[in-house]
Each structure stands twice: as structure tokens, then as C-alpha cells.
């Protein structure tokens, strides 16, 4: 897949993956609860499935969360599975006090 650009769209409560022309390829919906980002759903346009869009989207979203000093609750099965496969992102998972 050509370059996938990931950006936060806070007004829509989601991270978006777009191609260089600006076409929406997919998104990851979230809710903010204090310093925690709760990912609830990830979706990729069926025309772009199987091209790594979802993985790029989740990596970009989690990198943004990390840069903000926040943590994550992954209710979305895809985000949860992605984090499980990438040990270097497991430190972002919210831990109960």
C-alpha cells in the first residue's frame, strides 16, 4: 500500500487513516476518559483490507497516545490483538491502581 497518513480527528473521536490524496481508508474510534484513551472500534474500507491499513492505523494512533503521555484500554478486539502481538506497546495498557 502507498503511504498511509494517520491523524487524530478529535471532533469525531477517532484516528483516521488516509491515502496521499486524502481518501479515508479506515478509522479507529475512541473515547477519552481522563488520561486514558478507550479504543472501541476499528474499521477499514473493504476495498483496502489486507493491505496493512489497520496495522498502520493502530500503530499511528498508539504512537500519538504515547506522545501525549496517556494510556490505553483496548475494548476493540483488533486493537487488543495488535497490542498483544507488539510487546513494545504493552506498556501503554492501562493498569488499575
Protein backbone atom coordinates (compact mmCIF):
# COMPACT_ATOMS: atom_id res chain seq x y z
CA UNK A 1 0.00 0.00 0.00
CA UNK A 2 1.20 3.51 -0.74
CA UNK A 3 1.78 5.88 2.15
CA UNK A 4 -0.94 5.81 4.79
CA UNK A 5 -1.25 9.01 6.80
CA UNK A 6 -2.67 8.67 10.31
CA UNK A 7 -4.14 11.66 12.12
CA UNK A 8 -6.32 12.34 15.12
CA UNK A 9 -9.79 13.71 14.39
CA UNK A 10 -10.79 14.62 17.96
CA UNK A 11 -14.10 16.20 16.94
CA UNK A 12 -15.13 12.77 15.57
CA UNK A 13 -13.45 10.84 18.43
CA UNK A 14 -11.35 8.78 16.08
CA UNK A 15 -7.99 8.37 14.46
CA UNK A 16 -8.18 8.30 10.67
CA UNK A 17 -6.03 6.63 8.03
CA UNK A 18 -5.98 8.41 4.68
CA UNK A 19 -4.02 7.97 1.48
CA UNK A 20 -1.93 10.75 -0.04
CA UNK A 21 -4.97 12.04 -1.95
CA UNK A 22 -6.94 12.37 1.29
CA UNK A 23 -9.26 9.40 0.77
CA UNK A 24 -10.42 7.88 4.05
CA UNK A 25 -9.15 4.31 4.24
CA UNK A 26 -10.14 3.47 7.79
CA UNK A 27 -10.60 4.74 11.33
CA UNK A 28 -10.25 3.75 14.98
CA UNK A 29 -12.96 5.13 17.27
CA UNK A 30 -12.10 6.13 20.82
CA UNK A 31 -13.42 7.80 23.94
CA UNK A 32 -11.24 9.82 26.28
CA UNK A 33 -11.62 9.09 29.99
CA UNK A 34 -9.19 11.27 31.91
CA UNK A 35 -5.71 10.35 30.74
CA UNK A 36 -6.95 7.07 29.24
CA UNK A 37 -7.91 6.52 25.60
CA UNK A 38 -10.52 3.78 25.23
CA UNK A 39 -10.49 2.25 21.73
CA UNK A 40 -13.92 0.84 20.92
CA UNK A 41 -13.94 0.03 17.20
CA UNK A 42 -11.62 -0.14 14.20
CA UNK A 43 -12.83 -0.28 10.62
CA UNK A 44 -11.11 -0.35 7.23
CA UNK A 45 -12.88 0.26 3.93
CA UNK A 46 -13.34 -3.21 2.36
CA UNK A 47 -11.57 -2.02 -0.81
CA UNK A 48 -8.38 -1.54 1.23
CA UNK A 49 -8.47 -4.58 3.51
CA UNK A 50 -5.45 -6.86 3.54
CA UNK A 51 -3.01 -4.06 2.73
CA UNK A 52 -1.79 -3.21 6.23
CA UNK A 53 -4.04 -0.18 6.70
CA UNK A 54 -5.39 -1.30 10.07
CA UNK A 55 -1.94 -2.09 11.43
CA UNK A 56 -0.57 1.26 10.29
CA UNK A 57 -3.62 3.00 11.73
CA UNK A 58 -3.29 1.36 15.16
CA UNK A 59 0.48 1.94 15.31
CA UNK A 60 -0.02 5.62 14.47
CA UNK A 61 -2.84 6.01 16.98
CA UNK A 62 -0.84 4.35 19.75
CA UNK A 63 2.24 6.44 18.93
CA UNK A 64 0.08 9.54 19.32
CA UNK A 65 -1.31 8.30 22.64
CA UNK A 66 2.23 7.64 23.86
CA UNK A 67 3.40 11.10 22.79
CA UNK A 68 0.57 12.62 24.83
CA UNK A 69 1.59 10.66 27.94
CA UNK A 70 -1.71 8.80 28.02
CA UNK A 71 -2.59 5.12 28.37
CA UNK A 72 -4.99 2.78 26.58
CA UNK A 73 -7.92 0.47 27.20
CA UNK A 74 -8.50 -1.72 24.14
CA UNK A 75 -12.15 -2.75 24.01
CA UNK A 76 -11.77 -3.12 20.24
CA UNK A 77 -10.71 -6.72 19.50
CA UNK A 78 -8.35 -5.62 16.71
CA UNK A 79 -6.52 -3.07 18.86
CA UNK A 80 -6.30 -5.58 21.73
CA UNK A 81 -4.85 -8.28 19.44
CA UNK A 82 -2.42 -5.81 17.83
CA UNK A 83 -1.06 -4.74 21.22
CA UNK A 84 -0.71 -8.41 22.25
CA UNK A 85 1.45 -9.04 19.16
CA UNK A 86 3.66 -5.99 19.79
CA UNK A 87 5.35 -6.16 23.21
CA UNK A 88 6.87 -2.70 22.75
CA UNK A 89 3.35 -1.22 23.02
CA UNK A 90 2.10 -3.21 26.01
CA UNK A 91 3.36 -0.54 28.40
CA UNK A 92 0.52 1.68 27.14
CA UNK A 93 -2.16 -0.64 28.53
CA UNK A 94 -4.00 0.96 31.46
CA UNK A 95 -3.24 -0.72 34.77
CA UNK A 96 -5.72 -0.45 37.63
CA UNK A 97 -4.30 1.11 40.77
